């Protein structure tokens, strides 16, 4: 963790309102002392906000090239008809088609 950037726990970060987050400086978010992510909140004119956004986009593209999981994949969804867990919304939609095919086959 950085000595120059203040840190906050993920529990306290989740409790913040949007207006409170906008007023923060850059910070590191941790969980049980372990680094999770750095939040950079730009203040000032549009050019500084645009600069931060462009840099974040550049670094995000680099980070996504080497690993990680898409947020949709990490969200498990349960089929309401049969209770089968699916890894994503897309997976659930595909699974639901199998129910439709079975219903149409018995008609």
N, C-alpha and C. Protein backbone atom coordinates (compact mmCIF):
# COMPACT_ATOMS: atom_id res chain seq x y z
N UNK A 1 0.84 -1.18 0.00
CA UNK A 1 0.00 0.00 0.00
C UNK A 1 0.88 1.24 0.00
N UNK A 2 0.32 2.30 -0.47
CA UNK A 2 1.06 3.54 -0.60
C UNK A 2 1.15 4.30 0.72
N UNK A 3 2.29 4.94 0.91
CA UNK A 3 2.45 5.82 2.07
C UNK A 3 1.90 7.21 1.76
N UNK A 4 1.68 7.51 0.48
CA UNK A 4 1.25 8.84 0.06
C UNK A 4 -0.26 8.97 -0.15
N UNK A 5 -0.95 7.83 -0.28
CA UNK A 5 -2.39 7.86 -0.55
C UNK A 5 -3.12 7.31 0.67
N UNK A 6 -4.08 8.06 1.21
CA UNK A 6 -4.82 7.56 2.38
C UNK A 6 -5.65 6.33 2.01
N UNK A 7 -5.96 5.50 3.00
CA UNK A 7 -6.74 4.30 2.71
C UNK A 7 -8.03 4.28 3.52
N UNK A 8 -8.97 3.48 3.05
CA UNK A 8 -10.27 3.31 3.70
C UNK A 8 -10.66 1.84 3.52
N UNK A 9 -11.37 1.29 4.48
CA UNK A 9 -11.80 -0.10 4.33
C UNK A 9 -12.98 -0.18 3.37
N UNK A 10 -13.15 -1.34 2.77
CA UNK A 10 -14.25 -1.53 1.84
C UNK A 10 -15.60 -1.36 2.55
N UNK A 11 -15.67 -1.75 3.81
CA UNK A 11 -16.92 -1.59 4.57
C UNK A 11 -17.28 -0.10 4.70
N UNK A 12 -16.30 0.74 5.03
CA UNK A 12 -16.57 2.17 5.15
C UNK A 12 -16.82 2.81 3.79
N UNK A 13 -16.15 2.33 2.75
CA UNK A 13 -16.36 2.86 1.40
C UNK A 13 -17.80 2.60 0.95
N UNK A 14 -18.33 1.41 1.23
CA UNK A 14 -19.69 1.07 0.83
C UNK A 14 -20.73 1.95 1.53
N UNK A 15 -20.41 2.46 2.70
CA UNK A 15 -21.35 3.29 3.47
C UNK A 15 -21.44 4.72 2.95
N UNK A 16 -20.48 5.14 2.12
CA UNK A 16 -20.44 6.52 1.65
C UNK A 16 -21.54 6.81 0.64
N UNK A 17 -22.10 8.01 0.74
CA UNK A 17 -23.04 8.51 -0.25
C UNK A 17 -22.26 9.04 -1.45
N UNK A 18 -22.92 9.16 -2.59
CA UNK A 18 -22.26 9.64 -3.81
C UNK A 18 -21.64 11.02 -3.59
N UNK A 19 -22.35 11.90 -2.91
CA UNK A 19 -21.83 13.25 -2.67
C UNK A 19 -20.57 13.20 -1.82
N UNK A 20 -20.50 12.26 -0.89
CA UNK A 20 -19.30 12.12 -0.05
C UNK A 20 -18.12 11.60 -0.87
N UNK A 21 -18.40 10.67 -1.78
CA UNK A 21 -17.33 10.13 -2.64
C UNK A 21 -16.77 11.23 -3.53
N UNK A 22 -17.65 12.07 -4.08
CA UNK A 22 -17.20 13.16 -4.96
C UNK A 22 -16.28 14.13 -4.24
N UNK A 23 -16.44 14.27 -2.93
CA UNK A 23 -15.62 15.21 -2.16
C UNK A 23 -14.30 14.62 -1.68
N UNK A 24 -14.12 13.32 -1.84
CA UNK A 24 -12.89 12.68 -1.38
C UNK A 24 -11.69 13.02 -2.26
N UNK A 25 -10.53 12.80 -1.71
CA UNK A 25 -9.30 12.84 -2.49
C UNK A 25 -9.05 11.42 -2.99
N UNK A 26 -7.97 11.21 -3.71
CA UNK A 26 -7.62 9.86 -4.13
C UNK A 26 -7.42 9.00 -2.89
N UNK A 27 -7.80 7.73 -2.96
CA UNK A 27 -7.65 6.85 -1.81
C UNK A 27 -7.50 5.40 -2.26
N UNK A 28 -6.96 4.59 -1.35
CA UNK A 28 -6.86 3.16 -1.59
C UNK A 28 -7.93 2.47 -0.75
N UNK A 29 -8.60 1.51 -1.35
CA UNK A 29 -9.62 0.75 -0.65
C UNK A 29 -9.04 -0.61 -0.29
N UNK A 30 -9.21 -0.99 0.98
CA UNK A 30 -8.62 -2.23 1.48
C UNK A 30 -9.67 -3.11 2.14
N UNK A 31 -9.33 -4.37 2.30
CA UNK A 31 -10.16 -5.31 3.03
C UNK A 31 -9.25 -6.12 3.93
N UNK A 32 -9.45 -6.00 5.23
CA UNK A 32 -8.58 -6.66 6.22
C UNK A 32 -7.10 -6.35 5.97
N UNK A 33 -6.82 -5.11 5.64
CA UNK A 33 -5.44 -4.68 5.41
C UNK A 33 -4.89 -5.02 4.05
N UNK A 34 -5.67 -5.73 3.21
CA UNK A 34 -5.21 -6.12 1.88
C UNK A 34 -5.75 -5.13 0.84
N UNK A 35 -4.87 -4.67 -0.03
CA UNK A 35 -5.22 -3.71 -1.09
C UNK A 35 -6.24 -4.32 -2.05
N UNK A 36 -7.30 -3.55 -2.37
CA UNK A 36 -8.28 -3.98 -3.38
C UNK A 36 -8.16 -3.11 -4.63
N UNK A 37 -8.30 -1.77 -4.45
CA UNK A 37 -8.18 -0.87 -5.60
C UNK A 37 -7.87 0.55 -5.15
N UNK A 38 -7.45 1.36 -6.11
CA UNK A 38 -7.20 2.77 -5.87
C UNK A 38 -8.29 3.57 -6.58
N UNK A 39 -8.89 4.51 -5.89
CA UNK A 39 -9.88 5.40 -6.48
C UNK A 39 -9.26 6.77 -6.64
N UNK A 40 -9.35 7.31 -7.85
CA UNK A 40 -8.84 8.65 -8.13
C UNK A 40 -10.04 9.53 -8.45
N UNK A 41 -10.29 10.51 -7.60
CA UNK A 41 -11.43 11.41 -7.77
C UNK A 41 -10.90 12.77 -8.23
N UNK A 42 -11.13 13.10 -9.52
CA UNK A 42 -10.59 14.36 -10.03
C UNK A 42 -11.37 15.57 -9.51
N UNK A 43 -10.66 16.63 -9.21
CA UNK A 43 -11.26 17.90 -8.80
C UNK A 43 -10.70 18.98 -9.70
N UNK A 44 -11.50 19.96 -10.01
CA UNK A 44 -11.01 21.05 -10.84
C UNK A 44 -11.80 21.15 -12.13
N UNK A 45 -11.13 21.62 -13.16
CA UNK A 45 -11.81 21.87 -14.43
C UNK A 45 -12.01 20.58 -15.22
N UNK A 46 -12.68 20.71 -16.36
CA UNK A 46 -12.97 19.55 -17.19
C UNK A 46 -11.71 18.90 -17.75
N UNK A 47 -10.67 19.69 -18.00
CA UNK A 47 -9.46 19.11 -18.59
C UNK A 47 -8.79 18.14 -17.61
N UNK A 48 -8.82 18.45 -16.31
CA UNK A 48 -8.23 17.52 -15.36
C UNK A 48 -9.09 16.26 -15.23
N UNK A 49 -10.41 16.39 -15.28
CA UNK A 49 -11.30 15.23 -15.25
C UNK A 49 -11.10 14.37 -16.48
N UNK A 50 -11.00 15.02 -17.63
CA UNK A 50 -10.77 14.27 -18.88
C UNK A 50 -9.43 13.57 -18.85
N UNK A 51 -8.41 14.21 -18.31
CA UNK A 51 -7.08 13.60 -18.22
C UNK A 51 -7.13 12.34 -17.37
N UNK A 52 -7.78 12.42 -16.21
CA UNK A 52 -7.89 11.27 -15.32
C UNK A 52 -8.67 10.15 -16.01
N UNK A 53 -9.75 10.50 -16.68
CA UNK A 53 -10.57 9.50 -17.38
C UNK A 53 -9.77 8.81 -18.48
N UNK A 54 -9.02 9.56 -19.26
CA UNK A 54 -8.22 8.99 -20.35
C UNK A 54 -7.13 8.08 -19.79
N UNK A 55 -6.46 8.52 -18.73
CA UNK A 55 -5.42 7.68 -18.13
C UNK A 55 -6.01 6.40 -17.54
N UNK A 56 -7.17 6.52 -16.90
CA UNK A 56 -7.83 5.34 -16.32
C UNK A 56 -8.23 4.37 -17.42
N UNK A 57 -8.73 4.90 -18.52
CA UNK A 57 -9.11 4.04 -19.66
C UNK A 57 -7.89 3.31 -20.20
N UNK A 58 -6.80 4.03 -20.37
CA UNK A 58 -5.55 3.43 -20.88
C UNK A 58 -5.07 2.31 -19.94
N UNK A 59 -5.02 2.59 -18.64
CA UNK A 59 -4.56 1.59 -17.68
C UNK A 59 -5.54 0.41 -17.58
N UNK A 60 -6.83 0.68 -17.72
CA UNK A 60 -7.83 -0.39 -17.67
C UNK A 60 -7.69 -1.34 -18.85
N UNK A 61 -7.45 -0.79 -20.03
CA UNK A 61 -7.25 -1.63 -21.21
C UNK A 61 -6.04 -2.52 -21.01
N UNK A 62 -4.95 -1.96 -20.50
CA UNK A 62 -3.75 -2.76 -20.23
C UNK A 62 -4.03 -3.85 -19.21
N UNK A 63 -4.74 -3.52 -18.14
CA UNK A 63 -5.03 -4.49 -17.09
C UNK A 63 -5.94 -5.61 -17.61
N UNK A 64 -6.92 -5.25 -18.44
CA UNK A 64 -7.85 -6.25 -18.95
C UNK A 64 -7.21 -7.19 -19.95
N UNK A 65 -6.08 -6.80 -20.51
CA UNK A 65 -5.39 -7.65 -21.47
C UNK A 65 -4.70 -8.83 -20.79
N UNK A 66 -4.37 -8.70 -19.52
CA UNK A 66 -3.58 -9.74 -18.85
C UNK A 66 -4.36 -10.60 -17.87
N UNK A 67 -5.61 -10.31 -17.62
CA UNK A 67 -6.34 -11.20 -16.71
C UNK A 67 -7.57 -10.57 -16.12
N UNK A 68 -8.11 -11.28 -15.16
CA UNK A 68 -9.33 -10.82 -14.51
C UNK A 68 -10.54 -11.51 -15.09
N UNK A 69 -11.68 -11.28 -14.45
CA UNK A 69 -12.92 -11.89 -14.85
C UNK A 69 -13.93 -10.78 -15.12
N UNK A 70 -14.70 -10.94 -16.19
CA UNK A 70 -15.75 -9.96 -16.48
C UNK A 70 -16.77 -9.96 -15.36
N UNK A 71 -17.30 -8.79 -14.97
CA UNK A 71 -18.27 -8.73 -13.86
C UNK A 71 -19.48 -9.63 -14.09
N UNK A 72 -19.93 -9.77 -15.35
CA UNK A 72 -21.09 -10.60 -15.63
C UNK A 72 -20.81 -12.06 -15.28
N UNK A 73 -19.58 -12.50 -15.46
CA UNK A 73 -19.23 -13.90 -15.21
C UNK A 73 -19.24 -14.21 -13.71
N UNK A 74 -18.90 -13.23 -12.88
CA UNK A 74 -18.80 -13.48 -11.44
C UNK A 74 -20.15 -13.45 -10.73
N UNK A 75 -21.20 -13.06 -11.44
CA UNK A 75 -22.52 -12.97 -10.83
C UNK A 75 -23.31 -14.23 -11.14
N UNK A 76 -23.50 -15.07 -10.13
CA UNK A 76 -24.26 -16.30 -10.32
C UNK A 76 -25.74 -16.00 -10.25
N UNK A 77 -26.52 -16.55 -11.18
CA UNK A 77 -27.95 -16.36 -11.20
C UNK A 77 -28.62 -17.73 -11.12
N UNK A 78 -29.75 -17.79 -10.45
CA UNK A 78 -30.45 -19.06 -10.25
C UNK A 78 -31.70 -19.10 -11.13
N UNK A 79 -31.90 -20.22 -11.82
CA UNK A 79 -33.10 -20.42 -12.62
C UNK A 79 -34.29 -20.58 -11.69
N UNK A 80 -35.33 -19.80 -11.90
CA UNK A 80 -36.51 -19.85 -11.04
C UNK A 80 -37.33 -21.13 -11.25
N UNK A 81 -37.23 -21.71 -12.45
CA UNK A 81 -38.02 -22.91 -12.74
C UNK A 81 -37.45 -24.16 -12.09
N UNK A 82 -36.13 -24.35 -12.20
CA UNK A 82 -35.55 -25.61 -11.71
C UNK A 82 -34.49 -25.43 -10.63
N UNK A 83 -34.08 -24.18 -10.35
CA UNK A 83 -33.11 -23.93 -9.29
C UNK A 83 -31.66 -24.12 -9.70
N UNK A 84 -31.41 -24.36 -11.00
CA UNK A 84 -30.04 -24.56 -11.46
C UNK A 84 -29.28 -23.24 -11.45
N UNK A 85 -28.06 -23.21 -10.84
CA UNK A 85 -27.26 -21.98 -10.88
C UNK A 85 -26.59 -21.80 -12.25
N UNK A 86 -26.60 -20.58 -12.75
CA UNK A 86 -25.95 -20.26 -14.01
C UNK A 86 -24.89 -19.20 -13.72
N UNK A 87 -23.80 -19.21 -14.47
CA UNK A 87 -22.67 -18.33 -14.20
C UNK A 87 -22.94 -16.88 -14.56
N UNK A 88 -23.93 -16.62 -15.43
CA UNK A 88 -24.17 -15.25 -15.87
C UNK A 88 -25.60 -15.11 -16.37
N UNK A 89 -25.99 -13.87 -16.64
CA UNK A 89 -27.31 -13.61 -17.23
C UNK A 89 -27.41 -14.28 -18.59
N UNK A 90 -26.32 -14.21 -19.37
CA UNK A 90 -26.31 -14.85 -20.68
C UNK A 90 -26.51 -16.36 -20.54
N UNK A 91 -25.81 -16.96 -19.57
CA UNK A 91 -25.96 -18.40 -19.32
C UNK A 91 -27.38 -18.75 -18.92
N UNK A 92 -28.02 -17.91 -18.12
CA UNK A 92 -29.39 -18.14 -17.70
C UNK A 92 -30.33 -18.08 -18.90
N UNK A 93 -30.12 -17.11 -19.79
CA UNK A 93 -30.97 -17.00 -20.98
C UNK A 93 -30.85 -18.26 -21.84
N UNK A 94 -29.63 -18.76 -22.00
CA UNK A 94 -29.43 -19.99 -22.77
C UNK A 94 -30.12 -21.16 -22.07
N UNK A 95 -29.99 -21.23 -20.76
CA UNK A 95 -30.61 -22.30 -19.99
C UNK A 95 -32.14 -22.24 -20.11
N UNK A 96 -32.71 -21.05 -20.06
CA UNK A 96 -34.16 -20.90 -20.15
C UNK A 96 -34.69 -21.39 -21.50
N UNK A 97 -33.87 -21.26 -22.55
CA UNK A 97 -34.28 -21.77 -23.85
C UNK A 97 -34.48 -23.29 -23.80
N UNK A 98 -33.68 -23.97 -22.99
CA UNK A 98 -33.84 -25.43 -22.88
C UNK A 98 -35.20 -25.77 -22.26
N UNK A 99 -35.69 -24.95 -21.33
CA UNK A 99 -37.03 -25.16 -20.78
C UNK A 99 -38.09 -24.95 -21.86
N UNK A 100 -37.91 -23.92 -22.68
CA UNK A 100 -38.86 -23.63 -23.75
C UNK A 100 -38.90 -24.76 -24.76
N UNK A 101 -37.74 -25.31 -25.10
CA UNK A 101 -37.68 -26.41 -26.06
C UNK A 101 -38.40 -27.63 -25.51
N UNK A 102 -38.20 -27.93 -24.22
CA UNK A 102 -38.89 -29.09 -23.61
C UNK A 102 -40.40 -28.89 -23.60
N UNK A 103 -40.86 -27.66 -23.29
CA UNK A 103 -42.29 -27.37 -23.27
C UNK A 103 -42.89 -27.53 -24.65
N UNK A 104 -42.21 -27.02 -25.67
CA UNK A 104 -42.72 -27.10 -27.05
C UNK A 104 -42.68 -28.53 -27.58
N UNK A 105 -41.74 -29.33 -27.10
CA UNK A 105 -41.64 -30.72 -27.58
C UNK A 105 -42.77 -31.59 -27.05
N UNK A 106 -43.30 -31.25 -25.88
CA UNK A 106 -44.38 -32.06 -25.31
C UNK A 106 -45.75 -31.63 -25.79
N UNK A 107 -45.85 -30.53 -26.50
CA UNK A 107 -47.15 -30.03 -26.95
C UNK A 107 -47.59 -30.75 -28.19
